[in-house]
């Protein structure tokens, strides 16, 4: 299901947009400031952001510029600032569309659908985005905050296995069977622990408190996306 984050401090407008998009079958999350929006981006897989420019703790333009350092997540600006200069600035900061207030919810719905279609059509690579990690599986490339992270072939296969089974627990036995025991050779289970530890060191901000690769004690591991 496509997930949309609405960042709008006008509660009535935020709720109205949320209700309309939920009826269209989208999963909708709401934030009323940038701080909460950043938290939701870290804990949810978001497909599109609808964001006001004038927010109480930071401008939507500044937040968009920050996001663009590590992600091409589509962003639609909502604002009462309707001069040509304002609109150009919205695109220059990385916005994918710009809608001036007041606006029709029906028009917004169609603009959302159009942006999602355009992004989907232009995304010819097999790219996965979660929090500040972006993985291009076709190019075998992992970026964290826009910077490439060098992984071994085994580490890349391991992270792909976990992502392919996100929201499920992948047992250590499963990992051994899928990645190391392909030829029927016995591999010590410690190999799993070693590779998990190395991978966490490369992708986690704090490997002792992992956000991406979480341990399910006594069973195995699960990817952070819920």
N, C-alpha and C. Protein backbone atom coordinates (compact mmCIF):
# COMPACT_ATOMS: atom_id res chain seq x y z
N UNK A 1 0.84 -1.20 0.00
CA UNK A 1 0.00 0.00 0.00
C UNK A 1 0.88 1.25 0.00
N UNK A 2 0.55 2.22 -0.84
CA UNK A 2 1.30 3.47 -0.91
C UNK A 2 1.09 4.28 0.35
N UNK A 3 2.20 4.74 0.95
CA UNK A 3 2.15 5.48 2.20
C UNK A 3 2.48 6.95 1.97
N UNK A 4 1.62 7.84 2.47
CA UNK A 4 1.77 9.28 2.28
C UNK A 4 1.87 9.97 3.63
N UNK A 5 2.87 10.83 3.77
CA UNK A 5 3.03 11.63 4.98
C UNK A 5 2.58 13.06 4.70
N UNK A 6 1.65 13.55 5.52
CA UNK A 6 1.17 14.92 5.39
C UNK A 6 1.80 15.76 6.50
N UNK A 7 2.50 16.81 6.11
CA UNK A 7 3.14 17.70 7.08
C UNK A 7 2.47 19.06 6.94
N UNK A 8 1.50 19.32 7.79
CA UNK A 8 0.66 20.53 7.69
C UNK A 8 0.19 20.89 9.09
N UNK A 9 0.49 22.13 9.54
CA UNK A 9 0.15 22.51 10.91
C UNK A 9 -1.29 22.97 11.09
N UNK A 10 -2.00 23.19 10.00
CA UNK A 10 -3.43 23.49 10.08
C UNK A 10 -4.18 22.17 10.31
N UNK A 11 -4.68 21.97 11.52
CA UNK A 11 -5.25 20.68 11.88
C UNK A 11 -6.44 20.31 11.00
N UNK A 12 -7.32 21.27 10.74
CA UNK A 12 -8.50 20.99 9.93
C UNK A 12 -8.11 20.56 8.52
N UNK A 13 -7.16 21.27 7.91
CA UNK A 13 -6.72 20.94 6.56
C UNK A 13 -6.01 19.59 6.56
N UNK A 14 -5.17 19.36 7.55
CA UNK A 14 -4.45 18.10 7.65
C UNK A 14 -5.44 16.94 7.73
N UNK A 15 -6.44 17.07 8.58
CA UNK A 15 -7.42 16.00 8.74
C UNK A 15 -8.25 15.80 7.48
N UNK A 16 -8.57 16.91 6.80
CA UNK A 16 -9.36 16.81 5.56
C UNK A 16 -8.60 16.07 4.46
N UNK A 17 -7.31 16.41 4.30
CA UNK A 17 -6.48 15.73 3.31
C UNK A 17 -6.33 14.25 3.67
N UNK A 18 -6.09 13.99 4.96
CA UNK A 18 -5.92 12.61 5.43
C UNK A 18 -7.16 11.77 5.14
N UNK A 19 -8.32 12.33 5.42
CA UNK A 19 -9.57 11.60 5.21
C UNK A 19 -9.77 11.30 3.73
N UNK A 20 -9.55 12.29 2.88
CA UNK A 20 -9.73 12.12 1.44
C UNK A 20 -8.79 11.06 0.87
N UNK A 21 -7.51 11.13 1.24
CA UNK A 21 -6.53 10.19 0.70
C UNK A 21 -6.74 8.78 1.26
N UNK A 22 -7.17 8.69 2.51
CA UNK A 22 -7.46 7.37 3.10
C UNK A 22 -8.60 6.69 2.34
N UNK A 23 -9.61 7.48 1.95
CA UNK A 23 -10.72 6.93 1.16
C UNK A 23 -10.24 6.43 -0.20
N UNK A 24 -9.15 7.00 -0.70
CA UNK A 24 -8.60 6.57 -1.99
C UNK A 24 -7.72 5.33 -1.87
N UNK A 25 -7.54 4.84 -0.65
CA UNK A 25 -6.79 3.61 -0.45
C UNK A 25 -5.34 3.79 -0.06
N UNK A 26 -4.93 5.05 0.20
CA UNK A 26 -3.56 5.29 0.65
C UNK A 26 -3.46 5.10 2.16
N UNK A 27 -2.29 4.70 2.63
CA UNK A 27 -2.02 4.72 4.06
C UNK A 27 -1.47 6.10 4.38
N UNK A 28 -2.12 6.82 5.29
CA UNK A 28 -1.78 8.21 5.54
C UNK A 28 -1.28 8.40 6.97
N UNK A 29 -0.16 9.12 7.09
CA UNK A 29 0.37 9.53 8.38
C UNK A 29 0.38 11.05 8.43
N UNK A 30 0.09 11.62 9.60
CA UNK A 30 0.02 13.07 9.72
C UNK A 30 1.04 13.60 10.71
N UNK A 31 1.65 14.73 10.35
CA UNK A 31 2.53 15.47 11.25
C UNK A 31 2.13 16.94 11.18
N UNK A 32 2.38 17.64 12.30
CA UNK A 32 2.04 19.05 12.36
C UNK A 32 3.28 19.94 12.47
N UNK A 33 4.45 19.31 12.45
CA UNK A 33 5.71 20.04 12.48
C UNK A 33 6.81 19.16 11.90
N UNK A 34 7.97 19.75 11.66
CA UNK A 34 9.08 19.03 11.03
C UNK A 34 9.66 17.98 11.95
N UNK A 35 9.76 18.28 13.24
CA UNK A 35 10.35 17.32 14.19
C UNK A 35 9.60 16.00 14.17
N UNK A 36 8.28 16.07 14.21
CA UNK A 36 7.48 14.84 14.18
C UNK A 36 7.58 14.16 12.82
N UNK A 37 7.64 14.95 11.76
CA UNK A 37 7.77 14.38 10.41
C UNK A 37 9.08 13.61 10.27
N UNK A 38 10.17 14.17 10.82
CA UNK A 38 11.46 13.48 10.77
C UNK A 38 11.39 12.15 11.50
N UNK A 39 10.71 12.12 12.64
CA UNK A 39 10.56 10.88 13.40
C UNK A 39 9.79 9.84 12.60
N UNK A 40 8.72 10.27 11.93
CA UNK A 40 7.92 9.32 11.15
C UNK A 40 8.72 8.80 9.94
N UNK A 41 9.54 9.65 9.35
CA UNK A 41 10.38 9.20 8.23
C UNK A 41 11.38 8.14 8.67
N UNK A 42 11.81 8.23 9.92
CA UNK A 42 12.79 7.28 10.43
C UNK A 42 12.16 5.93 10.77
N UNK A 43 10.86 5.92 11.02
CA UNK A 43 10.23 4.69 11.49
C UNK A 43 9.19 4.10 10.54
N UNK A 44 8.98 4.74 9.42
CA UNK A 44 8.01 4.25 8.44
C UNK A 44 8.58 4.37 7.02
N UNK A 45 8.16 3.49 6.16
CA UNK A 45 8.53 3.56 4.74
C UNK A 45 7.53 4.48 4.04
N UNK A 46 7.93 5.70 3.75
CA UNK A 46 7.05 6.71 3.15
C UNK A 46 7.29 6.76 1.64
N UNK A 47 6.20 6.84 0.87
CA UNK A 47 6.30 6.90 -0.59
C UNK A 47 6.18 8.31 -1.14
N UNK A 48 5.52 9.21 -0.39
CA UNK A 48 5.32 10.58 -0.87
C UNK A 48 5.03 11.48 0.32
N UNK A 49 5.51 12.73 0.25
CA UNK A 49 5.23 13.72 1.30
C UNK A 49 4.43 14.87 0.71
N UNK A 50 3.38 15.26 1.40
CA UNK A 50 2.63 16.49 1.09
C UNK A 50 2.94 17.45 2.23
N UNK A 51 3.53 18.61 1.91
CA UNK A 51 4.10 19.44 2.98
C UNK A 51 3.83 20.93 2.78
N UNK A 52 3.38 21.55 3.86
CA UNK A 52 3.25 23.00 3.87
C UNK A 52 4.65 23.62 3.91
N UNK A 53 4.79 24.81 3.39
CA UNK A 53 6.08 25.49 3.44
C UNK A 53 6.27 26.22 4.76
N UNK A 54 5.19 26.84 5.27
CA UNK A 54 5.28 27.57 6.53
C UNK A 54 4.89 26.66 7.69
N UNK A 55 5.90 26.11 8.37
CA UNK A 55 5.67 25.21 9.50
C UNK A 55 6.23 25.85 10.77
N UNK A 56 5.73 25.45 11.94
CA UNK A 56 6.09 26.17 13.17
C UNK A 56 7.55 26.07 13.60
N UNK A 57 8.23 24.96 13.29
CA UNK A 57 9.59 24.78 13.80
C UNK A 57 10.68 24.89 12.73
N UNK A 58 10.29 24.86 11.46
CA UNK A 58 11.26 24.93 10.37
C UNK A 58 10.47 25.08 9.06
N UNK A 59 11.05 25.70 8.06
CA UNK A 59 10.32 25.82 6.81
C UNK A 59 10.31 24.48 6.07
N UNK A 60 9.25 24.27 5.31
CA UNK A 60 9.18 23.08 4.48
C UNK A 60 10.29 23.05 3.44
N UNK A 61 10.72 24.23 2.98
CA UNK A 61 11.81 24.30 2.01
C UNK A 61 13.11 23.76 2.61
N UNK A 62 13.41 24.16 3.84
CA UNK A 62 14.63 23.70 4.50
C UNK A 62 14.58 22.20 4.75
N UNK A 63 13.40 21.70 5.13
CA UNK A 63 13.25 20.27 5.38
C UNK A 63 13.40 19.48 4.08
N UNK A 64 12.83 20.00 3.01
CA UNK A 64 12.96 19.35 1.70
C UNK A 64 14.43 19.30 1.28
N UNK A 65 15.15 20.40 1.46
CA UNK A 65 16.56 20.44 1.10
C UNK A 65 17.36 19.40 1.88
N UNK A 66 17.01 19.22 3.15
CA UNK A 66 17.68 18.22 3.99
C UNK A 66 17.41 16.81 3.49
N UNK A 67 16.15 16.54 3.13
CA UNK A 67 15.77 15.22 2.63
C UNK A 67 16.50 14.92 1.32
N UNK A 68 16.65 15.93 0.47
CA UNK A 68 17.27 15.73 -0.83
C UNK A 68 18.75 15.34 -0.75
N UNK A 69 19.35 15.50 0.41
CA UNK A 69 20.75 15.10 0.58
C UNK A 69 20.90 13.59 0.56
N UNK A 70 19.80 12.87 0.85
CA UNK A 70 19.91 11.41 0.89
C UNK A 70 18.77 10.67 0.20
N UNK A 71 17.77 11.38 -0.30
CA UNK A 71 16.62 10.70 -0.87
C UNK A 71 15.95 11.53 -1.97
N UNK A 72 15.38 10.81 -2.95
CA UNK A 72 14.58 11.45 -3.99
C UNK A 72 13.08 11.20 -3.76
N UNK A 73 12.73 10.99 -2.52
CA UNK A 73 11.33 10.81 -2.13
C UNK A 73 10.48 11.96 -2.68
N UNK A 74 9.40 11.67 -3.42
CA UNK A 74 8.60 12.75 -4.01
C UNK A 74 7.95 13.64 -2.95
N UNK A 75 7.98 14.95 -3.19
CA UNK A 75 7.44 15.94 -2.25
C UNK A 75 6.55 16.92 -2.99
N UNK A 76 5.33 17.10 -2.49
CA UNK A 76 4.40 18.10 -3.03
C UNK A 76 4.26 19.20 -1.99
N UNK A 77 4.55 20.44 -2.40
CA UNK A 77 4.41 21.58 -1.48
C UNK A 77 2.98 22.11 -1.51
N UNK A 78 2.48 22.47 -0.33
CA UNK A 78 1.22 23.20 -0.20
C UNK A 78 1.56 24.55 0.43
N UNK A 79 1.06 25.64 -0.13
CA UNK A 79 1.39 26.94 0.44
C UNK A 79 0.47 28.04 -0.06
N UNK A 80 0.35 29.08 0.75
CA UNK A 80 -0.38 30.28 0.32
C UNK A 80 0.53 31.22 -0.44
N UNK A 81 1.82 30.92 -0.50
CA UNK A 81 2.79 31.75 -1.21
C UNK A 81 2.71 31.42 -2.70
N UNK A 82 2.10 32.33 -3.48
CA UNK A 82 1.75 31.98 -4.85
C UNK A 82 2.43 32.83 -5.92
N UNK A 83 3.48 33.57 -5.55
CA UNK A 83 4.17 34.35 -6.59
C UNK A 83 5.03 33.42 -7.44
N UNK A 84 5.38 33.89 -8.62
CA UNK A 84 6.23 33.10 -9.50
C UNK A 84 7.56 32.77 -8.82
N UNK A 85 8.10 33.73 -8.09
CA UNK A 85 9.38 33.54 -7.38
C UNK A 85 9.25 32.43 -6.34
N UNK A 86 8.13 32.42 -5.60
CA UNK A 86 7.91 31.40 -4.58
C UNK A 86 7.83 30.01 -5.21
N UNK A 87 7.11 29.91 -6.31
CA UNK A 87 6.92 28.62 -6.98
C UNK A 87 8.25 28.10 -7.51
N UNK A 88 9.02 28.98 -8.14
CA UNK A 88 10.34 28.58 -8.66
C UNK A 88 11.23 28.09 -7.53
N UNK A 89 11.20 28.80 -6.39
CA UNK A 89 12.02 28.41 -5.25
C UNK A 89 11.63 27.01 -4.76
N UNK A 90 10.32 26.73 -4.77
CA UNK A 90 9.86 25.40 -4.34
C UNK A 90 10.47 24.29 -5.18
N UNK A 91 10.53 24.50 -6.48
CA UNK A 91 11.13 23.49 -7.37
C UNK A 91 12.65 23.45 -7.21
N UNK A 92 13.25 24.62 -7.00
CA UNK A 92 14.71 24.66 -6.84
C UNK A 92 15.17 23.94 -5.58
N UNK A 93 14.35 23.94 -4.55
CA UNK A 93 14.70 23.25 -3.31
C UNK A 93 14.42 21.75 -3.37
N UNK A 94 13.83 21.29 -4.47
CA UNK A 94 13.65 19.86 -4.65
C UNK A 94 12.23 19.37 -4.68
N UNK A 95 11.25 20.27 -4.69
CA UNK A 95 9.85 19.84 -4.74
C UNK A 95 9.50 19.24 -6.10
N UNK A 96 8.57 18.28 -6.09
CA UNK A 96 8.11 17.66 -7.34
C UNK A 96 6.85 18.32 -7.87
N UNK A 97 6.11 18.99 -6.99
CA UNK A 97 4.92 19.72 -7.42
C UNK A 97 4.65 20.82 -6.39
N UNK A 98 3.81 21.80 -6.76
CA UNK A 98 3.61 22.98 -5.94
C UNK A 98 2.14 23.38 -6.09
N UNK A 99 1.39 23.33 -5.00
CA UNK A 99 -0.03 23.64 -5.04
C UNK A 99 -0.31 24.81 -4.12
N UNK A 100 -0.94 25.86 -4.65
CA UNK A 100 -1.21 27.05 -3.84
C UNK A 100 -2.59 26.96 -3.20
N UNK A 101 -2.67 27.50 -1.98
CA UNK A 101 -3.93 27.54 -1.23
C UNK A 101 -4.71 28.78 -1.64
N UNK A 102 -6.05 28.70 -1.62
CA UNK A 102 -6.87 27.49 -1.39
C UNK A 102 -6.86 26.59 -2.62
N UNK A 103 -7.15 25.32 -2.41
CA UNK A 103 -7.14 24.37 -3.52
C UNK A 103 -8.26 23.35 -3.31
N UNK A 104 -8.60 22.67 -4.40
CA UNK A 104 -9.62 21.62 -4.35
C UNK A 104 -8.98 20.30 -3.92
N UNK A 105 -9.62 19.59 -3.00
CA UNK A 105 -9.11 18.28 -2.58
C UNK A 105 -9.12 17.30 -3.74
N UNK A 106 -10.08 17.46 -4.65
CA UNK A 106 -10.14 16.57 -5.81
C UNK A 106 -8.92 16.81 -6.71
N UNK A 107 -8.55 18.09 -6.88
CA UNK A 107 -7.37 18.41 -7.68
C UNK A 107 -6.12 17.86 -7.00
N UNK A 108 -6.03 18.01 -5.68
CA UNK A 108 -4.88 17.48 -4.94
C UNK A 108 -4.78 15.97 -5.14
N UNK A 109 -5.90 15.29 -5.07
CA UNK A 109 -5.92 13.83 -5.27
C UNK A 109 -5.32 13.46 -6.62
N UNK A 110 -5.70 14.20 -7.67
CA UNK A 110 -5.19 13.90 -9.01
C UNK A 110 -3.71 14.26 -9.15
N UNK A 111 -3.29 15.33 -8.46
CA UNK A 111 -1.87 15.71 -8.51
C UNK A 111 -1.02 14.65 -7.80
N UNK A 112 -1.53 14.11 -6.71
CA UNK A 112 -0.83 13.03 -6.00
C UNK A 112 -0.67 11.83 -6.92
N UNK A 113 -1.76 11.44 -7.56
CA UNK A 113 -1.72 10.28 -8.46
C UNK A 113 -0.74 10.52 -9.62
N UNK A 114 -0.72 11.76 -10.13
CA UNK A 114 0.16 12.08 -11.26
C UNK A 114 1.63 12.01 -10.85
N UNK A 115 1.97 12.55 -9.66
CA UNK A 115 3.35 12.50 -9.19
C UNK A 115 3.79 11.06 -8.97
N UNK A 116 2.94 10.26 -8.37
CA UNK A 116 3.28 8.86 -8.13
C UNK A 116 3.48 8.10 -9.44
N UNK A 117 2.63 8.38 -10.42
CA UNK A 117 2.80 7.74 -11.74
C UNK A 117 4.12 8.14 -12.37
N UNK A 118 4.43 9.42 -12.29
CA UNK A 118 5.66 9.93 -12.92
C UNK A 118 6.89 9.35 -12.24
N UNK A 119 6.87 9.30 -10.93
CA UNK A 119 8.01 8.75 -10.19
C UNK A 119 8.17 7.27 -10.50
N UNK A 120 7.07 6.56 -10.55
CA UNK A 120 7.12 5.12 -10.83
C UNK A 120 7.66 4.87 -12.24
N UNK A 121 7.21 5.70 -13.20
CA UNK A 121 7.63 5.50 -14.59
C UNK A 121 9.11 5.80 -14.78
N UNK A 122 9.63 6.80 -14.03
CA UNK A 122 11.04 7.19 -14.19
C UNK A 122 11.98 6.30 -13.40
N UNK A 123 11.42 5.54 -12.48
CA UNK A 123 12.27 4.70 -11.62
C UNK A 123 12.44 3.33 -12.25
N UNK A 124 13.35 3.26 -13.22
CA UNK A 124 13.54 2.01 -13.94
C UNK A 124 14.43 1.04 -13.18
N UNK A 125 15.15 1.52 -12.15
CA UNK A 125 16.00 0.66 -11.36
C UNK A 125 15.21 0.04 -10.21
N UNK A 126 15.72 -1.06 -9.70
CA UNK A 126 15.10 -1.74 -8.57
C UNK A 126 15.64 -1.10 -7.29
N UNK A 127 15.03 0.02 -6.90
CA UNK A 127 15.55 0.82 -5.79
C UNK A 127 14.63 0.71 -4.57
N UNK A 128 15.25 0.54 -3.42
CA UNK A 128 14.53 0.46 -2.15
C UNK A 128 15.01 1.58 -1.24
N UNK A 129 14.06 2.26 -0.58
CA UNK A 129 14.39 3.37 0.31
C UNK A 129 13.75 3.14 1.67
N UNK A 130 14.53 3.25 2.74
CA UNK A 130 14.00 3.19 4.09
C UNK A 130 14.87 4.06 4.99
N UNK A 131 14.23 4.96 5.71
CA UNK A 131 14.94 5.92 6.54
C UNK A 131 16.02 6.61 5.69
N UNK A 132 17.29 6.61 6.14
CA UNK A 132 18.32 7.30 5.35
C UNK A 132 19.17 6.33 4.54
N UNK A 133 18.63 5.13 4.30
CA UNK A 133 19.33 4.15 3.47
C UNK A 133 18.59 3.98 2.15
N UNK A 134 19.34 4.00 1.06
CA UNK A 134 18.78 3.73 -0.27
C UNK A 134 19.62 2.63 -0.91
N UNK A 135 18.94 1.61 -1.45
CA UNK A 135 19.64 0.48 -2.05
C UNK A 135 19.18 0.30 -3.49
N UNK A 136 20.12 0.28 -4.40
CA UNK A 136 19.85 -0.04 -5.79
C UNK A 136 20.29 -1.48 -6.01
N UNK A 137 19.32 -2.39 -6.04
CA UNK A 137 19.64 -3.81 -6.14
C UNK A 137 20.19 -4.17 -7.51
N UNK A 138 19.80 -3.42 -8.55
CA UNK A 138 20.33 -3.70 -9.89
C UNK A 138 21.81 -3.34 -9.98
N UNK A 139 22.19 -2.25 -9.33
CA UNK A 139 23.58 -1.79 -9.39
C UNK A 139 24.42 -2.33 -8.22
N UNK A 140 23.76 -3.07 -7.31
CA UNK A 140 24.42 -3.60 -6.11
C UNK A 140 25.10 -2.44 -5.37
N UNK A 141 24.30 -1.45 -5.02
CA UNK A 141 24.81 -0.21 -4.42
C UNK A 141 23.95 0.18 -3.23
N UNK A 142 24.61 0.44 -2.09
CA UNK A 142 23.90 0.92 -0.91
C UNK A 142 24.42 2.31 -0.55
N UNK A 143 23.49 3.25 -0.36
CA UNK A 143 23.83 4.61 0.05
C UNK A 143 23.24 4.88 1.42
N UNK A 144 24.00 5.51 2.29
CA UNK A 144 23.48 5.98 3.58
C UNK A 144 23.70 7.48 3.63
N UNK A 145 22.60 8.21 3.75
CA UNK A 145 22.64 9.68 3.71
C UNK A 145 23.34 10.17 2.46
N UNK A 146 23.13 9.44 1.36
CA UNK A 146 23.68 9.83 0.07
C UNK A 146 25.10 9.37 -0.17
N UNK A 147 25.74 8.77 0.84
CA UNK A 147 27.13 8.33 0.70
C UNK A 147 27.19 6.82 0.48
N UNK A 148 27.98 6.34 -0.50
CA UNK A 148 28.06 4.91 -0.76
C UNK A 148 28.75 4.17 0.39
N UNK A 149 28.20 3.00 0.75
CA UNK A 149 28.77 2.15 1.77
C UNK A 149 29.25 0.86 1.09
N UNK A 150 30.52 0.54 1.28
CA UNK A 150 31.10 -0.64 0.65
C UNK A 150 30.70 -1.89 1.41
N UNK A 151 30.02 -2.81 0.73
CA UNK A 151 29.60 -4.08 1.31
C UNK A 151 30.25 -5.23 0.57
N UNK A 152 30.50 -6.31 1.28
CA UNK A 152 30.95 -7.53 0.61
C UNK A 152 29.75 -8.17 -0.07
N UNK A 153 30.01 -9.13 -0.96
CA UNK A 153 28.92 -9.83 -1.65
C UNK A 153 27.99 -10.51 -0.65
N UNK A 154 28.57 -11.11 0.38
CA UNK A 154 27.78 -11.80 1.40
C UNK A 154 26.93 -10.81 2.19
N UNK A 155 27.50 -9.67 2.53
CA UNK A 155 26.74 -8.66 3.28
C UNK A 155 25.58 -8.13 2.46
N UNK A 156 25.81 -7.93 1.17
CA UNK A 156 24.74 -7.42 0.31
C UNK A 156 23.62 -8.47 0.19
N UNK A 157 23.98 -9.74 0.02
CA UNK A 157 22.98 -10.80 -0.04
C UNK A 157 22.20 -10.89 1.26
N UNK A 158 22.89 -10.69 2.37
CA UNK A 158 22.25 -10.77 3.68
C UNK A 158 21.23 -9.65 3.86
N UNK A 159 21.60 -8.42 3.51
CA UNK A 159 20.66 -7.32 3.68
C UNK A 159 19.47 -7.47 2.73
N UNK A 160 19.71 -8.00 1.53
CA UNK A 160 18.60 -8.23 0.59
C UNK A 160 17.65 -9.29 1.12
N UNK A 161 18.21 -10.35 1.73
CA UNK A 161 17.37 -11.39 2.31
C UNK A 161 16.47 -10.82 3.40
N UNK A 162 17.02 -9.99 4.26
CA UNK A 162 16.24 -9.40 5.35
C UNK A 162 15.16 -8.47 4.81
N UNK A 163 15.50 -7.67 3.80
CA UNK A 163 14.52 -6.74 3.22
C UNK A 163 13.43 -7.50 2.47
N UNK A 164 13.80 -8.55 1.75
CA UNK A 164 12.81 -9.36 1.03
C UNK A 164 11.81 -9.99 1.99
N UNK A 165 12.23 -10.18 3.25
CA UNK A 165 11.35 -10.79 4.25
C UNK A 165 11.04 -9.81 5.38
N UNK A 166 11.00 -8.51 5.05
CA UNK A 166 10.70 -7.52 6.08
C UNK A 166 9.34 -7.80 6.71
N UNK A 167 9.24 -7.45 7.98
CA UNK A 167 8.06 -7.71 8.81
C UNK A 167 7.97 -9.18 9.22
N UNK A 168 9.00 -9.97 8.86
CA UNK A 168 9.07 -11.37 9.29
C UNK A 168 10.42 -11.61 9.96
N UNK A 169 10.48 -12.64 10.79
CA UNK A 169 11.74 -13.02 11.41
C UNK A 169 12.45 -14.01 10.51
N UNK A 170 13.70 -13.72 10.18
CA UNK A 170 14.53 -14.65 9.40
C UNK A 170 15.44 -15.39 10.38
N UNK A 171 15.28 -16.69 10.47
CA UNK A 171 16.06 -17.47 11.44
C UNK A 171 17.51 -17.60 10.99
N UNK A 172 18.38 -17.90 11.94
CA UNK A 172 19.78 -18.11 11.60
C UNK A 172 19.93 -19.30 10.65
N UNK A 173 19.12 -20.33 10.87
CA UNK A 173 19.16 -21.50 9.99
C UNK A 173 18.79 -21.11 8.57
N UNK A 174 17.76 -20.27 8.44
CA UNK A 174 17.36 -19.79 7.12
C UNK A 174 18.47 -19.04 6.44
N UNK A 175 19.14 -18.17 7.20
CA UNK A 175 20.23 -17.38 6.63
C UNK A 175 21.35 -18.29 6.14
N UNK A 176 21.70 -19.28 6.94
CA UNK A 176 22.76 -20.21 6.55
C UNK A 176 22.38 -20.96 5.28
N UNK A 177 21.13 -21.42 5.23
CA UNK A 177 20.68 -22.20 4.07
C UNK A 177 20.65 -21.35 2.81
N UNK A 178 20.22 -20.08 2.94
CA UNK A 178 20.03 -19.24 1.76
C UNK A 178 21.33 -18.62 1.26
N UNK A 179 22.28 -18.37 2.17
CA UNK A 179 23.46 -17.61 1.77
C UNK A 179 24.76 -18.39 1.77
N UNK A 180 24.93 -19.28 2.72
CA UNK A 180 26.24 -19.93 2.82
C UNK A 180 26.22 -21.43 2.53
N UNK A 181 25.07 -22.06 2.70
CA UNK A 181 25.04 -23.52 2.62
C UNK A 181 24.50 -24.00 1.28
N UNK A 182 24.63 -23.17 0.24
CA UNK A 182 24.07 -23.48 -1.07
C UNK A 182 24.62 -24.78 -1.63
N UNK A 183 25.90 -25.05 -1.41
CA UNK A 183 26.54 -26.25 -1.96
C UNK A 183 26.52 -27.43 -0.99
N UNK A 184 25.76 -27.28 0.06
CA UNK A 184 25.66 -28.38 1.01
C UNK A 184 26.83 -28.46 1.97
N UNK A 185 27.65 -27.45 2.02
CA UNK A 185 28.79 -27.45 2.92
C UNK A 185 28.37 -26.93 4.29
N UNK A 186 28.91 -27.54 5.35
CA UNK A 186 28.58 -27.09 6.70
C UNK A 186 29.29 -25.78 6.98
N UNK A 187 28.54 -24.83 7.52
CA UNK A 187 29.12 -23.55 7.92
C UNK A 187 28.73 -23.28 9.36
N UNK A 188 29.70 -22.90 10.17
CA UNK A 188 29.43 -22.63 11.57
C UNK A 188 28.44 -21.47 11.71
N UNK A 189 27.51 -21.58 12.64
CA UNK A 189 26.49 -20.55 12.83
C UNK A 189 27.11 -19.21 13.23
N UNK A 190 28.32 -19.26 13.76
CA UNK A 190 29.00 -18.03 14.14
C UNK A 190 29.22 -17.11 12.94
N UNK A 191 29.25 -17.71 11.72
CA UNK A 191 29.42 -16.90 10.50
C UNK A 191 28.27 -15.90 10.36
N UNK A 192 27.07 -16.30 10.77
CA UNK A 192 25.92 -15.38 10.71
C UNK A 192 26.15 -14.21 11.66
N UNK A 193 26.53 -14.51 12.90
CA UNK A 193 26.74 -13.45 13.89
C UNK A 193 27.82 -12.47 13.44
N UNK A 194 28.90 -13.01 12.87
CA UNK A 194 30.01 -12.17 12.42
C UNK A 194 29.56 -11.22 11.32
N UNK A 195 28.83 -11.74 10.34
CA UNK A 195 28.40 -10.91 9.22
C UNK A 195 27.33 -9.89 9.63
N UNK A 196 26.45 -10.29 10.54
CA UNK A 196 25.46 -9.34 11.06
C UNK A 196 26.18 -8.20 11.79
N UNK A 197 27.17 -8.54 12.59
CA UNK A 197 27.92 -7.54 13.34
C UNK A 197 28.64 -6.57 12.40
N UNK A 198 29.28 -7.10 11.37
CA UNK A 198 29.99 -6.26 10.41
C UNK A 198 29.01 -5.34 9.65
N UNK A 199 27.87 -5.90 9.27
CA UNK A 199 26.88 -5.11 8.53
C UNK A 199 26.33 -3.99 9.40
N UNK A 200 26.05 -4.29 10.66
CA UNK A 200 25.56 -3.25 11.57
C UNK A 200 26.59 -2.13 11.74
N UNK A 201 27.85 -2.50 11.81
CA UNK A 201 28.90 -1.50 11.96
C UNK A 201 28.90 -0.54 10.78
N UNK A 202 28.53 -1.03 9.60
CA UNK A 202 28.56 -0.20 8.40
C UNK A 202 27.31 0.65 8.22
N UNK A 203 26.14 0.14 8.64
CA UNK A 203 24.90 0.86 8.30
C UNK A 203 24.18 1.49 9.49
N UNK A 204 24.46 1.05 10.70
CA UNK A 204 23.76 1.57 11.86
C UNK A 204 24.47 2.82 12.42
N UNK A 205 23.70 3.80 12.86
CA UNK A 205 24.28 4.95 13.56
C UNK A 205 24.87 4.51 14.90
N UNK A 206 24.16 3.61 15.56
CA UNK A 206 24.62 3.05 16.84
C UNK A 206 24.43 1.54 16.79
N UNK A 207 25.48 0.78 16.42
CA UNK A 207 25.35 -0.67 16.26
C UNK A 207 24.84 -1.40 17.50
N UNK A 208 25.06 -0.81 18.68
CA UNK A 208 24.58 -1.46 19.91
C UNK A 208 23.08 -1.26 20.11
N UNK A 209 22.49 -0.29 19.39
CA UNK A 209 21.05 -0.07 19.42
C UNK A 209 20.55 0.01 17.97
N UNK A 210 20.54 -1.12 17.27
CA UNK A 210 20.24 -1.12 15.83
C UNK A 210 18.82 -0.69 15.49
N UNK A 211 18.72 0.11 14.43
CA UNK A 211 17.41 0.52 13.90
C UNK A 211 17.04 -0.28 12.66
N UNK A 212 18.03 -0.82 11.97
CA UNK A 212 17.78 -1.53 10.72
C UNK A 212 17.72 -3.05 10.92
N UNK A 213 18.76 -3.63 11.48
CA UNK A 213 18.81 -5.08 11.67
C UNK A 213 18.61 -5.38 13.15
N UNK A 214 17.43 -5.85 13.48
CA UNK A 214 17.07 -6.07 14.88
C UNK A 214 17.12 -7.56 15.22
N UNK A 215 17.60 -7.84 16.41
CA UNK A 215 17.73 -9.22 16.87
C UNK A 215 16.43 -9.68 17.51
N UNK A 216 15.97 -10.85 17.13
CA UNK A 216 14.87 -11.52 17.83
C UNK A 216 15.54 -12.65 18.61
N UNK A 217 15.74 -12.45 19.89
CA UNK A 217 16.61 -13.30 20.69
C UNK A 217 16.19 -14.77 20.65
N UNK A 218 17.18 -15.60 20.38
CA UNK A 218 16.96 -17.03 20.33
C UNK A 218 16.39 -17.54 19.03
N UNK A 219 16.08 -16.61 18.10
CA UNK A 219 15.45 -17.03 16.84
C UNK A 219 16.26 -16.57 15.63
N UNK A 220 16.44 -15.25 15.49
CA UNK A 220 17.13 -14.75 14.30
C UNK A 220 17.10 -13.24 14.25
N UNK A 221 16.78 -12.72 13.07
CA UNK A 221 16.84 -11.27 12.86
C UNK A 221 15.64 -10.81 12.02
N UNK A 222 15.34 -9.52 12.14
CA UNK A 222 14.26 -8.92 11.36
C UNK A 222 14.68 -7.53 10.90
N UNK A 223 14.22 -7.13 9.72
CA UNK A 223 14.51 -5.79 9.20
C UNK A 223 13.65 -4.78 9.94
N UNK A 224 14.17 -3.57 10.12
CA UNK A 224 13.54 -2.57 10.98
C UNK A 224 12.19 -2.07 10.52
N UNK A 225 11.91 -2.10 9.22
CA UNK A 225 10.66 -1.55 8.70
C UNK A 225 9.47 -2.33 9.23
N UNK A 226 8.52 -1.60 9.85
CA UNK A 226 7.35 -2.25 10.43
C UNK A 226 6.10 -1.97 9.58
